[in-house]
C-alpha atoms as a PDB file:
ATOM      1  CA  MET A   1      18.070 -16.382  -0.223  1.00  0.00           C
ATOM      2  CA  LYS A   2      17.169 -14.361   2.829  1.00  0.00           C
ATOM      3  CA  ILE A   3      13.458 -14.033   3.598  1.00  0.00           C
ATOM      4  CA  ASN A   4      11.911 -10.775   4.880  1.00  0.00           C
ATOM      5  CA  THR A   5       8.345 -10.520   6.149  1.00  0.00           C
ATOM      6  CA  PHE A   6       6.245  -7.614   7.327  1.00  0.00           C
ATOM      7  CA  ARG A   7       2.679  -6.384   7.529  1.00  0.00           C
ATOM      8  CA  LEU A   8       1.149  -3.112   6.437  1.00  0.00           C
ATOM      9  CA  LYS A   9      -1.803  -1.598   8.275  1.00  0.00           C
ATOM     10  CA  PRO A  10      -4.817   0.486   7.206  1.00  0.00           C
ATOM     11  CA  ASN A  11      -4.168   3.743   5.343  1.00  0.00           C
ATOM     12  CA  GLN A  12      -0.541   2.961   4.467  1.00  0.00           C
ATOM     13  CA  ASP A  13       0.556   3.431   0.841  1.00  0.00           C
ATOM     14  CA  LEU A  14       1.531   0.024  -0.571  1.00  0.00           C
ATOM     15  CA  LYS A  15       4.259   1.144  -2.998  1.00  0.00           C
ATOM     16  CA  LYS A  16       5.760   3.811  -0.736  1.00  0.00           C
ATOM     17  CA  SER A  17       5.832   1.363   2.176  1.00  0.00           C
ATOM     18  CA  LEU A  18       7.533  -1.334   0.092  1.00  0.00           C
ATOM     19  CA  GLN A  19      10.221   1.088  -1.089  1.00  0.00           C
ATOM     20  CA  GLU A  20      10.702   2.387   2.461  1.00  0.00           C
ATOM     21  CA  PHE A  21      11.146  -1.181   3.796  1.00  0.00           C
ATOM     22  CA  VAL A  22      13.685  -1.925   1.047  1.00  0.00           C
ATOM     23  CA  ASN A  23      15.625   1.273   1.756  1.00  0.00           C
ATOM     24  CA  ILE A  24      15.695   0.786   5.547  1.00  0.00           C
ATOM     25  CA  ASN A  25      16.833  -2.835   5.164  1.00  0.00           C
ATOM     26  CA  GLN A  26      19.270  -2.020   2.327  1.00  0.00           C
ATOM     27  CA  ILE A  27      17.847  -4.722   0.041  1.00  0.00           C
ATOM     28  CA  GLN A  28      19.923  -4.672  -3.141  1.00  0.00           C
ATOM     29  CA  ALA A  29      18.096  -7.443  -5.035  1.00  0.00           C
ATOM     30  CA  GLY A  30      14.623  -8.354  -3.825  1.00  0.00           C
ATOM     31  CA  VAL A  31      11.647 -10.191  -5.274  1.00  0.00           C
ATOM     32  CA  ILE A  32       8.068 -10.327  -4.052  1.00  0.00           C
ATOM     33  CA  LEU A  33       7.358 -13.907  -2.968  1.00  0.00           C
ATOM     34  CA  THR A  34       3.788 -13.248  -1.856  1.00  0.00           C
ATOM     35  CA  CYS A  35       1.401 -10.517  -0.816  1.00  0.00           C
ATOM     36  CA  VAL A  36      -2.179 -10.860   0.361  1.00  0.00           C
ATOM     37  CA  GLY A  37      -4.407  -8.154   1.708  1.00  0.00           C
ATOM     38  CA  SER A  38      -6.801  -5.455   0.610  1.00  0.00           C
ATOM     39  CA  LEU A  39      -6.923  -1.915  -0.759  1.00  0.00           C
ATOM     40  CA  ASN A  40      -9.568   0.782  -0.608  1.00  0.00           C
ATOM     41  CA  LYS A  41      -7.947   2.788  -3.412  1.00  0.00           C
ATOM     42  CA  ALA A  42      -5.850   1.649  -6.355  1.00  0.00           C
ATOM     43  CA  ILE A  43      -3.797   3.633  -8.849  1.00  0.00           C
ATOM     44  CA  LEU A  44      -2.495   1.620 -11.792  1.00  0.00           C
ATOM     45  CA  ARG A  45      -0.719   2.283 -15.064  1.00  0.00           C
ATOM     46  CA  MET A  46      -2.409   0.134 -17.641  1.00  0.00           C
ATOM     47  CA  ALA A  47      -0.611  -2.300 -19.985  1.00  0.00           C
ATOM     48  CA  ASP A  48       1.315  -0.761 -22.909  1.00  0.00           C
ATOM     49  CA  GLU A  49      -0.199   2.629 -22.147  1.00  0.00           C
ATOM     50  CA  ASN A  50       0.690   5.899 -20.532  1.00  0.00           C
ATOM     51  CA  ILE A  51      -2.807   5.872 -19.067  1.00  0.00           C
ATOM     52  CA  ILE A  52      -3.009   5.903 -15.266  1.00  0.00           C
ATOM     53  CA  LYS A  53      -6.360   4.927 -13.759  1.00  0.00           C
ATOM     54  CA  THR A  54      -7.620   5.555 -10.231  1.00  0.00           C
ATOM     55  CA  PHE A  55     -10.128   3.167  -8.635  1.00  0.00           C
ATOM     56  CA  ASP A  56     -11.855   4.325  -5.443  1.00  0.00           C
ATOM     57  CA  GLU A  57     -13.318   1.050  -4.192  1.00  0.00           C
ATOM     58  CA  LYS A  58     -12.376  -1.921  -2.066  1.00  0.00           C
ATOM     59  CA  PHE A  59     -10.242  -4.666  -3.604  1.00  0.00           C
ATOM     60  CA  GLU A  60      -8.619  -7.916  -2.533  1.00  0.00           C
ATOM     61  CA  ILE A  61      -4.953  -8.216  -3.543  1.00  0.00           C
ATOM     62  CA  VAL A  62      -4.842 -11.493  -5.462  1.00  0.00           C
ATOM     63  CA  SER A  63      -1.290 -11.094  -6.773  1.00  0.00           C
ATOM     64  CA  LEU A  64       1.689  -8.787  -6.421  1.00  0.00           C
ATOM     65  CA  ILE A  65       4.889  -9.536  -8.326  1.00  0.00           C
ATOM     66  CA  GLY A  66       8.064  -7.701  -9.143  1.00  0.00           C
ATOM     67  CA  THR A  67      11.615  -6.713  -8.355  1.00  0.00           C
ATOM     68  CA  LEU A  68      12.838  -4.408  -5.586  1.00  0.00           C
ATOM     69  CA  SER A  69      16.067  -2.597  -4.755  1.00  0.00           C
ATOM     70  CA  THR A  70      17.283   0.598  -3.188  1.00  0.00           C
ATOM     71  CA  SER A  71      17.489   2.038  -6.717  1.00  0.00           C
ATOM     72  CA  GLY A  72      13.771   1.463  -7.327  1.00  0.00           C
ATOM     73  CA  CYS A  73      11.139  -1.171  -7.841  1.00  0.00           C
ATOM     74  CA  HIS A  74       9.029  -2.558 -10.681  1.00  0.00           C
ATOM     75  CA  LEU A  75       5.761  -4.042  -9.455  1.00  0.00           C
ATOM     76  CA  HIS A  76       2.600  -5.381 -11.070  1.00  0.00           C
ATOM     77  CA  ILE A  77      -0.583  -6.055  -9.118  1.00  0.00           C
ATOM     78  CA  SER A  78      -3.831  -7.948  -9.711  1.00  0.00           C
ATOM     79  CA  LEU A  79      -6.912  -6.978  -7.715  1.00  0.00           C
ATOM     80  CA  SER A  80     -10.408  -8.445  -7.435  1.00  0.00           C
ATOM     81  CA  ASP A  81     -13.516  -6.377  -6.736  1.00  0.00           C
ATOM     82  CA  LYS A  82     -16.629  -7.343  -4.747  1.00  0.00           C
ATOM     83  CA  ASN A  83     -17.948  -9.319  -7.748  1.00  0.00           C
ATOM     84  CA  GLY A  84     -14.692 -11.207  -8.310  1.00  0.00           C
ATOM     85  CA  ASN A  85     -13.776  -9.217 -11.404  1.00  0.00           C
ATOM     86  CA  VAL A  86     -10.009  -8.842 -11.739  1.00  0.00           C
ATOM     87  CA  ILE A  87      -8.055  -5.803 -12.886  1.00  0.00           C
ATOM     88  CA  GLY A  88      -4.324  -5.374 -12.981  1.00  0.00           C
ATOM     89  CA  GLY A  89      -1.479  -3.164 -13.990  1.00  0.00           C
ATOM     90  CA  HIS A  90       1.700  -1.416 -12.957  1.00  0.00           C
ATOM     91  CA  LEU A  91       1.549  -0.450  -9.254  1.00  0.00           C
ATOM     92  CA  LYS A  92       1.728   3.301  -8.689  1.00  0.00           C
ATOM     93  CA  GLU A  93       1.923   5.317  -5.476  1.00  0.00           C
ATOM     94  CA  GLY A  94      -1.460   6.001  -3.927  1.00  0.00           C
ATOM     95  CA  CYS A  95      -2.642   2.397  -3.509  1.00  0.00           C
ATOM     96  CA  ILE A  96      -3.990   2.568   0.030  1.00  0.00           C
ATOM     97  CA  ILE A  97      -4.264  -0.422   2.378  1.00  0.00           C
ATOM     98  CA  TYR A  98      -7.813  -1.168   3.554  1.00  0.00           C
ATOM     99  CA  THR A  99      -7.342  -3.806   6.284  1.00  0.00           C
ATOM    100  CA  THR A 100      -3.871  -5.319   5.859  1.00  0.00           C
ATOM    101  CA  ALA A 101      -1.141  -6.404   3.477  1.00  0.00           C
ATOM    102  CA  GLU A 102       0.978  -9.393   4.478  1.00  0.00           C
ATOM    103  CA  ILE A 103       4.193  -9.289   2.467  1.00  0.00           C
ATOM    104  CA  VAL A 104       7.080 -11.723   1.985  1.00  0.00           C
ATOM    105  CA  ILE A 105      10.195 -10.546   0.127  1.00  0.00           C
ATOM    106  CA  GLY A 106      13.025 -12.794  -0.989  1.00  0.00           C
ATOM    107  CA  GLU A 107      16.431 -11.129  -0.898  1.00  0.00           C
ATOM    108  CA  LEU A 108      18.987 -12.501  -3.373  1.00  0.00           C
ATOM    109  CA  GLN A 109      22.373 -12.525  -1.693  1.00  0.00           C
ATOM    110  CA  ASN A 110      24.469 -12.875  -4.881  1.00  0.00           C
ATOM    111  CA  ALA A 111      22.964 -10.054  -6.962  1.00  0.00           C
ATOM    112  CA  THR A 112      22.435  -6.334  -7.113  1.00  0.00           C
ATOM    113  CA  PHE A 113      19.564  -4.729  -9.005  1.00  0.00           C
ATOM    114  CA  ASN A 114      19.969  -1.236 -10.415  1.00  0.00           C
ATOM    115  CA  ARG A 115      17.696   0.783 -12.664  1.00  0.00           C
ATOM    116  CA  GLU A 116      18.922   2.862 -15.575  1.00  0.00           C
ATOM    117  CA  LEU A 117      16.993   4.837 -18.158  1.00  0.00           C
ATOM    118  CA  ASP A 118      16.627   2.858 -21.377  1.00  0.00           C
ATOM    119  CA  LYS A 119      16.399   5.216 -24.358  1.00  0.00           C
ATOM    120  CA  ASN A 120      14.415   2.607 -26.326  1.00  0.00           C
ATOM    121  CA  THR A 121      11.651   2.121 -23.767  1.00  0.00           C
ATOM    122  CA  GLY A 122      11.711   5.478 -21.987  1.00  0.00           C
ATOM    123  CA  PHE A 123      11.649   3.688 -18.631  1.00  0.00           C
ATOM    124  CA  LYS A 124      14.256   2.919 -15.985  1.00  0.00           C
ATOM    125  CA  GLU A 125      14.984  -0.729 -16.745  1.00  0.00           C
ATOM    126  CA  LEU A 126      16.595  -3.441 -14.615  1.00  0.00           C
ATOM    127  CA  ILE A 127      20.374  -3.929 -14.685  1.00  0.00           C
ATOM    128  CA  ILE A 128      21.516  -7.090 -12.864  1.00  0.00           C
ATOM    129  CA  SER A 129      24.990  -7.474 -11.387  1.00  0.00           C
ATOM    130  CA  THR A 130      26.207 -10.650  -9.724  1.00  0.00           C
ATOM    131  CA  LYS A 131      28.604 -10.795  -6.803  1.00  0.00           C
ATOM    132  CA  GLN A 132      30.657 -13.500  -5.183  1.00  0.00           C
ATOM    133  CA  ILE A 133      29.538 -14.883  -1.831  1.00  0.00           C
ATOM    134  CA  ASN A 134      32.293 -16.142   0.445  1.00  0.00           C
END
């Protein structure tokens, strides 16, 4: 596994920046190993819903998990507010960095992730291909 690290700065969009990093570095099969930081705006799709909620307040990123590739990403995030209450959901564009986001991505050298529309779910779902490493 190859390890990639980078840091986002204030006012950057978390999801857009992740996808941009993946595209520039041609990551074909990536996983979030860790992410810590903060947001001052969060946009999340809630569990088993088509409801998207916007939160205009400061949050600590307590967890970010998911898969990444040049064909798209699937990310879930957990955030804590000033009282320690935690919310979470599917990461959407528009989550804006407050102070920083320190990100570590693992790149799987023997796989390729693609996303194809699944008629049953209505979402682009993960298709995994393996490749030989010489």
